[in-house]
Protein backbone atom coordinates (compact mmCIF):
# COMPACT_ATOMS: atom_id res chain seq x y z
CA MET A 1 106.24 149.03 99.15
CA THR A 2 107.13 145.38 99.66
CA THR A 3 104.28 144.57 102.02
CA LYS A 4 101.65 146.26 99.83
CA ILE A 5 102.29 144.14 96.72
CA ILE A 6 100.44 140.84 96.98
CA PHE A 7 98.81 139.75 93.74
CA ALA A 8 100.48 142.01 91.13
CA SER A 9 102.27 140.16 88.36
CA ASN A 10 104.61 141.36 85.64
CA LYS A 11 105.58 138.81 83.00
CA LEU A 12 108.85 138.66 81.12
CA GLY A 13 107.25 138.53 77.67
CA ASP A 14 109.18 137.27 74.64
CA ILE A 15 112.96 137.00 75.05
CA THR A 16 115.36 136.01 72.29
CA ASN A 17 118.57 134.02 72.58
CA GLU A 18 120.39 137.04 71.20
CA GLN A 19 119.18 139.16 74.10
CA LEU A 20 120.19 136.51 76.61
CA GLN A 21 123.66 136.30 75.10
CA GLN A 22 124.05 140.07 75.32
CA MET A 23 123.09 139.85 78.98
CA LEU A 24 125.65 137.10 79.58
CA ASP A 25 128.33 139.09 77.75
CA GLN A 26 127.66 142.11 79.94
CA PHE A 27 128.51 140.12 83.07
CA ASP A 28 131.12 137.85 81.47
CA PHE A 29 128.96 134.82 82.22
CA GLY A 30 129.95 132.75 79.18
CA LYS A 31 128.15 131.45 76.11
CA LEU A 32 124.44 130.64 76.17
CA ILE A 33 123.62 126.92 76.13
CA SER A 34 119.91 126.92 76.99
CA ALA A 35 117.15 128.85 78.78
CA GLU A 36 113.71 128.01 80.14
CA ARG A 37 110.95 129.64 82.18
CA THR A 38 110.83 128.55 85.80
CA ALA A 39 107.96 126.25 86.78
CA ASN A 40 107.65 127.59 90.35
CA GLY A 41 107.81 131.31 89.59
CA ALA A 42 104.26 132.40 90.41
CA MET A 43 104.90 135.99 89.36
CA GLY A 44 106.23 135.00 85.93
CA GLN A 45 109.36 137.06 86.50
CA THR A 46 112.04 134.38 86.35
CA MET A 47 113.95 132.29 83.84
CA PHE A 48 116.74 129.72 84.18
CA VAL A 49 119.76 130.47 81.99
CA HIS A 50 122.46 127.83 81.40
CA SER A 51 125.78 129.03 80.01
CA SER A 52 129.31 127.73 79.50
CA LYS A 53 130.24 129.27 82.87
CA GLY A 54 127.36 128.10 85.00
CA GLU A 55 123.64 128.24 85.72
CA TYR A 56 121.85 131.48 86.50
CA VAL A 57 118.43 132.91 87.26
CA LEU A 58 117.20 135.94 85.35
CA LYS A 59 114.59 137.97 87.23
CA GLY A 60 113.07 140.84 85.29
CA ASN A 61 110.28 143.36 84.88
CA PRO A 62 110.07 144.47 88.55
CA LEU A 63 106.67 144.54 90.26
CA PHE A 64 107.41 147.93 91.78
CA PRO A 65 110.28 150.45 91.77
CA GLY A 66 113.04 149.21 94.04
CA GLN A 67 111.99 145.52 94.10
CA PHE A 68 115.41 144.26 93.03
CA GLU A 69 117.26 146.72 95.26
CA GLU A 70 115.26 145.43 98.25
CA GLU A 71 116.04 141.82 97.40
CA GLN A 72 119.70 142.65 96.92
CA TYR A 73 119.74 144.30 100.35
CA PHE A 74 118.20 141.25 102.02
CA VAL A 75 120.46 138.81 100.17
CA HIS A 76 123.56 140.78 101.14
CA ASN A 77 122.62 140.96 104.81
CA ILE A 78 121.52 137.33 105.10
CA THR A 79 124.82 136.24 103.55
CA ASN A 80 126.76 138.25 106.12
CA ARG A 81 124.57 137.37 109.12
CA SER A 82 123.87 133.64 108.72
CA ASN A 83 124.84 130.38 107.09
CA VAL A 84 121.66 130.32 104.99
CA SER A 85 122.42 129.87 101.28
CA VAL A 86 120.91 132.65 99.17
CA PRO A 87 121.51 133.67 95.53
CA THR A 88 124.65 135.78 95.80
CA PRO A 89 126.04 137.77 94.14
CA TYR A 90 122.73 139.40 93.26
CA ASN A 91 123.57 141.54 90.22
CA ILE A 92 121.24 144.32 89.06
CA GLU A 93 121.11 146.00 85.67
CA GLN A 94 119.10 149.23 85.88
CA SER A 95 119.09 149.96 82.16
CA LYS A 96 115.94 148.99 80.23
CA ALA A 97 117.76 149.07 76.90
CA LEU A 98 118.13 145.31 76.45
CA PHE A 99 114.74 143.88 77.47
CA GLY A 100 112.58 146.94 77.95
CA TRP A 101 112.79 146.56 81.72
CA SER A 102 115.49 146.39 84.38
CA TYR A 103 116.56 143.00 85.66
CA ALA A 104 118.62 141.03 88.15
CA ILE A 105 120.78 137.99 87.46
CA MET A 106 122.10 135.65 90.11
CA PRO A 107 123.51 132.11 90.49
CA ARG A 108 121.00 129.29 90.33
CA LEU A 109 120.93 127.44 93.66
CA LYS A 110 121.15 123.65 93.78
CA GLY A 111 118.50 121.29 95.08
CA LYS A 112 114.84 120.39 94.66
CA HIS A 113 111.61 121.80 96.03
CA LEU A 114 109.89 119.99 98.89
CA ASN A 115 106.83 119.57 96.66
CA ASP A 116 108.90 118.08 93.83
CA GLN A 117 107.33 114.74 92.86
CA VAL A 118 110.67 112.90 93.07
CA ILE A 119 111.10 114.00 96.67
CA VAL A 120 107.47 113.55 97.70
CA GLU A 121 107.26 109.95 96.50
CA ASN A 122 110.38 108.83 98.36
CA LEU A 123 110.15 110.59 101.73
CA THR A 124 110.05 108.40 104.82
CA LYS A 125 108.60 109.52 108.13
CA GLU A 126 112.12 110.12 109.39
CA ASP A 127 112.84 112.25 106.31
CA ARG A 128 109.76 114.38 106.97
CA LEU A 129 110.74 114.96 110.58
CA GLN A 130 114.30 115.84 109.61
CA ILE A 131 113.13 118.27 106.94
CA ALA A 132 110.79 119.92 109.44
CA GLY A 133 113.77 120.34 111.73
CA VAL A 134 116.01 121.94 109.09
CA MET A 135 113.20 124.30 108.09
CA ALA A 136 112.89 125.40 111.71
CA ASP A 137 116.67 125.81 112.01
CA THR A 138 116.76 127.88 108.82
CA LEU A 139 114.03 130.18 110.09
CA LEU A 140 115.85 130.59 113.39
CA GLN A 141 118.92 131.74 111.49
CA LEU A 142 116.92 134.17 109.37
CA HIS A 143 115.16 135.51 112.44
CA SER A 144 118.41 136.13 114.28
CA TRP A 145 118.60 139.39 112.30
CA ARG A 146 117.02 141.81 114.78
CA VAL A 147 116.23 145.50 114.40
CA LYS A 148 114.96 148.27 116.68
CA GLU A 149 111.67 149.01 114.91
CA SER A 150 109.18 147.07 112.83
CA GLY A 151 108.99 148.28 109.25
CA GLU A 152 110.16 147.71 105.71
CA PHE A 153 113.21 148.54 103.66
CA ASP A 154 113.00 151.75 101.65
CA ALA A 155 115.06 151.36 98.47
CA LYS A 156 115.12 155.13 97.89
CA THR A 157 116.72 155.97 101.23
CA GLN A 158 118.47 152.60 101.66
CA SER A 159 117.13 152.47 105.21
CA LEU A 160 114.39 150.93 107.34
CA ARG A 161 111.07 152.78 107.15
CA PRO A 162 108.99 152.11 110.30
CA PHE A 163 105.34 151.18 109.85
CA GLU A 164 102.89 153.99 110.53
CA GLY A 165 101.67 153.79 114.10
CA ASN A 166 102.86 150.63 115.81
CA TYR A 167 103.29 147.11 114.53
CA THR A 168 99.99 145.88 115.98
CA ASN A 169 98.02 148.63 114.26
CA TRP A 170 99.76 147.92 110.97
CA LEU A 171 99.05 144.19 111.20
CA TYR A 172 95.43 144.56 112.32
CA ASN A 173 94.69 147.18 109.65
CA ARG A 174 96.18 144.87 107.05
CA ILE A 175 93.89 142.04 108.15
CA ARG A 176 90.81 144.29 108.14
CA PHE A 177 91.69 145.55 104.66
CA TRP A 178 91.74 142.02 103.27
CA VAL A 179 88.53 141.15 105.12
CA GLU A 180 86.82 144.01 103.31
CA ASP A 181 88.37 142.88 100.05
CA ALA A 182 87.13 139.30 100.57
CA LYS A 183 83.58 140.63 101.01
CA LYS A 184 83.62 141.57 97.32
CA TYR A 185 83.86 137.90 96.32
CA SER A 186 82.28 135.93 99.16
CA GLU A 187 80.00 136.06 102.16
CA ILE A 188 81.66 137.30 105.32
CA THR A 189 78.90 137.31 107.91
CA PRO A 190 78.45 139.52 111.00
CA ASN A 191 79.32 136.43 113.05
CA ASP A 192 82.56 136.11 111.09
CA ILE A 193 83.41 139.75 111.80
CA ALA A 194 82.65 139.29 115.51
CA TRP A 195 84.90 136.22 115.59
CA ILE A 196 87.71 138.08 113.81
CA ASP A 197 87.43 141.03 116.20
CA ASN A 198 87.60 138.66 119.15
CA VAL A 199 90.77 136.95 117.84
CA LEU A 200 92.42 140.34 117.43
CA LEU A 201 91.24 141.58 120.81
CA GLN A 202 92.52 138.51 122.64
CA ALA A 203 95.94 138.97 121.05
CA ASN A 204 96.34 142.66 121.94
CA ASP A 205 98.32 142.01 125.10
CA SER A 206 100.56 139.45 123.38
CA PHE A 207 101.49 141.90 120.64
CA ASP A 208 101.94 144.72 123.16
CA LYS A 209 104.58 142.56 124.83
CA PHE A 210 106.30 141.82 121.51
CA ASP A 211 109.30 144.15 121.36
CA ILE A 212 112.01 142.38 119.34
CA PRO A 213 111.24 142.83 115.63
CA THR A 214 113.26 140.63 113.32
CA PHE A 215 113.67 139.94 109.63
CA VAL A 216 110.54 138.24 108.30
CA MET A 217 110.78 136.57 104.89
CA GLY A 218 107.05 136.97 104.43
CA ASP A 219 106.71 134.02 102.04
CA PHE A 220 108.53 131.02 103.53
CA LYS A 221 107.03 128.08 101.63
CA PRO A 222 108.24 125.04 99.61
CA GLY A 223 108.32 127.02 96.38
CA ASN A 224 110.88 129.44 97.82
CA PHE A 225 113.53 127.10 99.14
CA LEU A 226 115.46 124.09 97.90
CA LEU A 227 116.41 120.84 99.63
CA SER A 228 119.40 118.54 99.19
CA ASN A 229 119.99 115.13 100.75
CA ARG A 230 123.65 114.91 101.78
CA GLU A 231 125.51 112.11 103.53
CA SER A 232 124.87 113.96 106.80
CA GLY A 233 121.13 114.17 106.04
CA TRP A 234 118.69 116.70 104.64
CA GLU A 235 119.59 120.35 104.42
CA ILE A 236 118.06 123.48 102.93
CA SER A 237 120.46 124.25 100.13
CA GLY A 238 118.97 127.56 99.09
CA VAL A 239 116.39 130.19 100.01
CA PHE A 240 115.22 132.86 97.58
CA ASP A 241 112.52 135.41 96.72
CA PHE A 242 112.51 138.17 99.32
CA THR A 243 109.95 140.39 97.59
CA ASN A 244 107.61 140.18 100.60
CA ALA A 245 110.27 140.57 103.31
CA TYR A 246 109.95 143.08 106.13
CA PHE A 247 110.78 143.46 109.83
CA GLY A 248 108.23 142.39 112.42
CA ASP A 249 107.02 139.30 114.27
CA PRO A 250 109.03 136.25 113.11
CA LEU A 251 106.15 133.90 113.95
CA ALA A 252 104.48 135.04 110.73
CA ASP A 253 106.99 132.95 108.79
CA LEU A 254 105.76 129.71 110.39
CA ILE A 255 102.23 129.93 109.05
CA LYS A 256 102.53 128.58 105.51
CA ILE A 257 104.45 125.52 106.69
CA LEU A 258 102.02 124.87 109.54
CA THR A 259 99.10 125.18 107.12
CA ILE A 260 100.60 122.52 104.86
CA TYR A 261 101.09 120.12 107.76
CA ILE A 262 97.57 120.72 109.07
CA ASP A 263 96.05 120.21 105.62
CA GLN A 264 98.02 116.97 105.21
CA ASN A 265 97.11 115.86 108.74
CA GLU A 266 100.80 115.54 109.62
CA LEU A 267 100.35 116.95 113.09
CA ASP A 268 103.26 115.03 114.57
CA VAL A 269 105.57 116.62 111.99
CA ALA A 270 104.02 120.02 112.68
CA ASN A 271 104.65 119.48 116.37
CA HIS A 272 108.30 118.63 115.66
CA PHE A 273 108.65 121.75 113.50
CA LEU A 274 107.27 123.91 116.31
CA SER A 275 109.29 122.21 119.05
CA ILE A 276 112.57 122.84 117.20
CA TYR A 277 111.67 126.44 116.44
CA LEU A 278 110.25 127.38 119.84
CA GLY A 279 112.67 125.39 121.99
CA ASP A 280 112.14 125.93 125.72
CA CYS A 281 109.66 128.76 125.29
CA TYR A 282 107.97 129.92 128.47
CA GLU A 283 105.45 132.28 126.88
CA LYS A 284 103.25 129.73 125.14
CA GLY A 285 100.09 131.75 125.71
CA HIS A 286 101.50 134.77 123.88
CA ILE A 287 102.94 132.56 121.14
CA ILE A 288 99.53 130.97 120.55
CA GLN A 289 97.73 134.31 120.37
CA ARG A 290 100.21 135.78 117.91
CA LEU A 291 100.18 132.66 115.73
CA LYS A 292 96.38 132.73 115.64
CA VAL A 293 96.43 136.29 114.30
CA HIS A 294 99.04 135.43 111.68
CA MET A 295 96.99 132.38 110.67
CA LEU A 296 93.93 134.62 110.38
CA GLN A 297 95.83 137.00 108.12
CA GLN A 298 97.01 134.21 105.80
CA ARG A 299 93.64 132.51 105.70
CA ILE A 300 91.73 135.69 104.78
CA LEU A 301 94.18 136.20 101.91
CA ASP A 302 93.73 132.60 100.78
CA TRP A 303 89.95 132.73 101.19
CA GLY A 304 89.55 135.97 99.25
CA CYS A 305 91.86 134.87 96.44
CA ALA A 306 90.24 131.44 96.06
CA LYS A 307 86.73 132.89 96.07
CA ALA A 308 87.69 135.56 93.56
CA ILE A 309 89.08 133.12 91.00
CA GLY A 310 86.78 130.18 91.76
CA ALA A 311 89.54 127.92 93.05
CA VAL A 312 88.05 126.76 96.35
CA THR A 313 89.61 123.46 97.45
CA TRP A 314 87.88 122.98 100.80
CA ASP A 315 84.40 122.29 102.17
CA ASP A 316 82.61 125.37 100.88
CA GLN A 317 79.69 124.92 103.28
CA LYS A 318 81.70 126.27 106.21
CA SER A 319 81.63 129.93 107.14
CA PHE A 320 84.91 131.81 107.04
CA SER A 321 85.29 131.80 110.83
CA ALA A 322 84.46 128.09 111.12
CA TRP A 323 87.02 127.32 108.42
CA VAL A 324 89.82 129.35 110.02
CA GLU A 325 88.99 128.09 113.51
CA LEU A 326 90.00 124.58 112.45
CA TYR A 327 93.54 125.93 112.00
CA THR A 328 93.67 128.19 115.07
CA LYS A 329 92.41 125.41 117.35
CA THR A 330 94.98 123.02 115.91
CA ILE A 331 97.72 125.54 116.72
CA GLU A 332 96.48 125.69 120.31
CA ASP A 333 96.49 121.89 120.57
CA LEU A 334 100.00 121.64 119.11
CA ILE A 335 101.56 124.13 121.51
CA ASP A 336 99.57 123.51 124.74
């Protein structure tokens, strides 16, 4: 279910202080001091709650049955398998009696987002390189969780459900689905389709050789992690939101960060990010092909969404394939 939910959004609706206090009482979390909606919660599911015993995040009105159980599973395993800070304990209340929907409540993690104005305005070049390094290190820790088969967590059975067919078929079918969806809102030409098919064809061998599926966060971006600047330097002080997590090719988690660096023309920082993550990799050709496919997947999602809502922020004269090729060629240049 996780990997099928992309744009759905359930809002919290109106919540009273009395309801929040009842929630706090249920978990013995103290007396309510204040509460506010989160600025970075794109799905509208989250609220910060400050009490006499600490700061918490309320996440409610699940997007699909089992959303919170999946996140709890990922949080529990990441806590036990790595040093990555995640919101634990992740408490779930199944009853809908209080708010009209089930909810989760967890500790609020400390730090600021990478796109926070206070951070952005004061970052030096050395800061940017160091942050790129800690992002790569964090992903390496997350991706150290390896499994036997690619798939997603099934909250009903509390087990891994393999993707139908093999991983490559699942990924390619997913891309083709969103290509067809994007056609509803924009022009995707026969030349675009031929280019897409060629990218996928060239990567077949690279994905056939991929045989170590790992945890994939599915949405590793500045809005889903926090940074703190300690005496020892920058560190990622918290990672959260595992609604899109699954098990597959870990390179997929690099794409949103690489896209930001490419858009900001910070190619030296992107190169540092990749060099820390890849280390002494001897399969650069396969890495490039897989990254190009993952970039294609993200870009067709971004293209279709932007066209659908009229939020295009790039040169709209380019065809889809010409637009994406700017990113895929940059990936080649960075790794070659």
